[in-house]
Protein backbone atom coordinates (compact mmCIF):
# COMPACT_ATOMS: atom_id res chain seq x y z
CA ALA A 1 0.00 0.00 0.00
CA PRO A 2 1.25 3.51 -0.77
CA ARG A 3 2.70 5.44 2.17
CA GLY A 4 3.31 9.08 2.75
CA GLU A 5 1.95 11.99 0.79
CA GLN A 6 0.43 11.01 -2.55
CA VAL A 7 0.59 13.87 -5.08
CA LEU A 8 -0.18 13.86 -8.78
CA ARG A 9 1.03 16.86 -10.76
CA LEU A 10 -0.17 17.43 -14.31
CA ILE A 11 0.58 20.23 -16.70
CA GLY A 12 -2.43 21.94 -18.18
CA THR A 13 -5.15 24.41 -17.38
CA THR A 14 -7.40 23.53 -14.48
CA ASP A 15 -9.75 26.49 -14.99
CA THR A 16 -12.27 24.50 -16.99
CA VAL A 17 -11.95 20.98 -15.60
CA THR A 18 -15.55 19.90 -15.18
CA THR A 19 -14.87 16.34 -14.00
CA LEU A 20 -12.16 13.74 -13.57
CA ASP A 21 -14.67 10.92 -14.12
CA PRO A 22 -13.93 9.40 -17.54
CA ALA A 23 -17.57 8.35 -17.99
CA LEU A 24 -18.66 11.98 -17.58
CA ALA A 25 -15.88 13.69 -19.57
CA ARG A 26 -17.56 15.56 -22.42
CA ASP A 27 -14.95 18.18 -23.25
CA VAL A 28 -11.31 18.22 -24.31
CA THR A 29 -9.92 19.39 -20.96
CA ALA A 30 -11.80 16.79 -18.88
CA GLY A 31 -10.83 14.11 -21.40
CA PHE A 32 -7.18 15.16 -21.26
CA PHE A 33 -7.03 14.88 -17.47
CA ALA A 34 -9.02 11.63 -17.38
CA ARG A 35 -6.54 10.05 -19.81
CA GLN A 36 -3.66 11.07 -17.54
CA ILE A 37 -5.26 9.39 -14.52
CA PHE A 38 -7.02 6.33 -15.94
CA ARG A 39 -5.88 3.53 -18.24
CA GLY A 40 -7.93 1.72 -20.83
CA LEU A 41 -7.74 -1.68 -22.43
CA THR A 42 -5.67 -0.13 -25.22
CA ARG A 43 -3.42 2.89 -25.74
CA LEU A 44 -2.08 4.63 -28.82
CA ASP A 45 1.64 4.32 -29.53
CA ALA A 46 3.85 7.04 -31.07
CA ASP A 47 2.45 6.20 -34.53
CA LEU A 48 -1.14 6.35 -33.20
CA ALA A 49 -1.55 2.60 -33.61
CA PRO A 50 -3.56 0.83 -30.88
CA ARG A 51 -1.54 -1.31 -28.48
CA PRO A 52 -2.54 -3.32 -25.41
CA GLU A 53 -2.51 -1.30 -22.17
CA LEU A 54 -4.54 -2.93 -19.38
CA ALA A 55 -4.95 -5.80 -21.78
CA GLU A 56 -2.01 -8.15 -22.06
CA ARG A 57 -3.38 -9.85 -25.15
CA ILE A 58 -6.12 -9.04 -27.65
CA GLU A 59 -7.61 -11.68 -29.92
CA ILE A 60 -9.99 -10.78 -32.75
CA ASP A 61 -12.17 -13.51 -34.21
CA PRO A 62 -12.20 -14.04 -38.01
CA SER A 63 -15.50 -12.15 -38.39
CA GLY A 64 -13.84 -9.01 -36.96
CA SER A 65 -16.76 -8.36 -34.62
CA ARG A 66 -15.70 -10.25 -31.46
CA TYR A 67 -12.72 -9.21 -29.34
CA ARG A 68 -11.27 -11.21 -26.46
CA PHE A 69 -9.08 -9.30 -24.00
CA THR A 70 -6.80 -10.92 -21.44
CA LEU A 71 -6.04 -8.44 -18.69
CA ARG A 72 -2.44 -7.81 -17.78
CA GLU A 73 -1.19 -9.78 -14.79
CA GLY A 74 -0.87 -7.39 -11.86
CA ALA A 75 -3.20 -4.68 -13.25
CA ALA A 76 -4.51 -2.93 -10.15
CA PHE A 77 -6.55 0.01 -8.91
CA HIS A 78 -4.90 2.82 -6.93
CA ASP A 79 -5.56 0.95 -3.68
CA GLY A 80 -3.76 -2.17 -4.94
CA SER A 81 -6.87 -4.29 -5.49
CA PRO A 82 -6.74 -6.23 -8.75
CA ILE A 83 -8.63 -5.06 -11.83
CA ARG A 84 -10.91 -7.90 -12.87
CA ALA A 85 -12.77 -8.45 -16.13
CA GLU A 86 -16.04 -7.78 -14.29
CA ASP A 87 -14.72 -4.31 -13.38
CA VAL A 88 -14.16 -3.55 -17.06
CA VAL A 89 -17.69 -4.77 -17.87
CA ALA A 90 -19.05 -2.45 -15.16
CA SER A 91 -17.01 0.52 -16.45
CA LEU A 92 -18.15 0.08 -20.06
CA THR A 93 -21.76 -0.39 -18.94
CA ARG A 94 -21.59 2.71 -16.76
CA ALA A 95 -20.12 4.77 -19.61
CA LEU A 96 -23.15 3.92 -21.77
CA ASP A 97 -25.80 4.16 -19.04
CA PRO A 98 -28.01 7.23 -19.63
CA THR A 99 -28.23 7.85 -15.88
CA THR A 100 -24.47 8.47 -15.81
CA ALA A 101 -25.20 11.67 -17.71
CA GLY A 102 -27.22 12.96 -14.75
CA GLY A 103 -30.42 11.32 -15.95
CA ASP A 104 -30.29 13.27 -19.22
CA PRO A 105 -29.48 10.96 -22.17
CA SER A 106 -29.21 13.98 -24.49
CA ARG A 107 -25.98 14.96 -22.66
CA LEU A 108 -24.38 11.91 -24.26
CA GLY A 109 -24.69 13.71 -27.59
CA GLY A 110 -25.93 10.75 -29.61
CA PRO A 111 -23.57 7.98 -30.67
CA THR A 112 -20.49 7.56 -28.50
CA TYR A 113 -17.12 5.96 -29.06
CA LEU A 114 -18.65 2.75 -27.64
CA SER A 115 -21.89 2.81 -29.63
CA ASP A 116 -20.95 -0.07 -31.93
CA ILE A 117 -20.87 -2.57 -29.03
CA ARG A 118 -23.82 -4.96 -29.31
CA GLY A 119 -26.59 -3.69 -27.04
CA ALA A 120 -25.19 -0.15 -26.67
CA ALA A 121 -28.19 1.48 -28.36
CA ASP A 122 -30.62 -0.36 -26.06
CA LEU A 123 -28.68 0.65 -22.96
CA LEU A 124 -28.39 4.29 -24.10
CA ALA A 125 -32.13 4.38 -24.80
CA GLY A 126 -32.98 2.90 -21.39
CA ARG A 127 -34.38 -0.31 -22.92
CA ALA A 128 -31.78 -2.51 -21.21
CA GLU A 129 -30.06 -2.59 -17.84
CA GLY A 130 -26.88 -4.24 -19.06
CA LEU A 131 -24.60 -4.18 -22.06
CA ALA A 132 -25.39 -7.33 -24.04
CA GLY A 133 -22.15 -7.38 -26.04
CA VAL A 134 -19.74 -7.36 -23.09
CA ARG A 135 -19.13 -10.26 -20.74
CA ALA A 136 -16.53 -11.42 -18.26
CA ILE A 137 -15.32 -14.94 -19.03
CA ASP A 138 -13.16 -15.20 -15.91
CA ASP A 139 -11.27 -12.76 -13.68
CA ARG A 140 -8.74 -11.82 -16.38
CA THR A 141 -10.67 -12.42 -19.60
CA LEU A 142 -13.49 -10.45 -21.17
CA GLU A 143 -15.18 -10.50 -24.52
CA ILE A 144 -16.65 -7.58 -26.45
CA GLU A 145 -18.96 -8.18 -29.40
CA LEU A 146 -19.69 -5.43 -31.91
CA ASP A 147 -22.79 -5.05 -34.06
CA GLU A 148 -20.48 -5.23 -37.06
CA PRO A 149 -16.71 -5.17 -37.67
CA SER A 150 -15.00 -1.83 -37.04
CA ALA A 151 -11.47 -0.93 -38.12
CA THR A 152 -11.34 1.85 -35.50
CA PHE A 153 -12.67 0.03 -32.44
CA LEU A 154 -9.31 -0.59 -30.73
CA MET A 155 -8.26 3.02 -31.38
CA ARG A 156 -11.48 4.33 -29.83
CA LEU A 157 -10.99 2.14 -26.75
CA ALA A 158 -7.77 4.08 -26.15
CA ALA A 159 -9.91 7.21 -25.71
């Protein structure tokens, strides 16, 4: 467990930071700070190509619409507790839940960077309580199914 003073210093304006919650970030400044604090399944390398981040391995089925992620051994939250596949499912579901936007689905601004996940439209519209296309297989493995193949999906996960 961390000891002593814990300080995070970031360079950038703090005048307009509306939130540090990545599920609520709707502007460039909030998104910038959220990306400095949180990690996603993927990241963009120096050539802007998607690479595994929290994921240790990414497998894409031949149809191009089903992704299997194996979480990196030792991936942990700030308190040291392990990040499990079920935590990722909960985060993706929360990001698409209309109540996350303060009960106002219009704040989501229509399609999101996750809108091609199977079941995203139903969750955004309040017709479903869960995200049908995302499931935890075990503690370190999760699967994401898209409505159709997307060449940009892994890049958008880095956002």
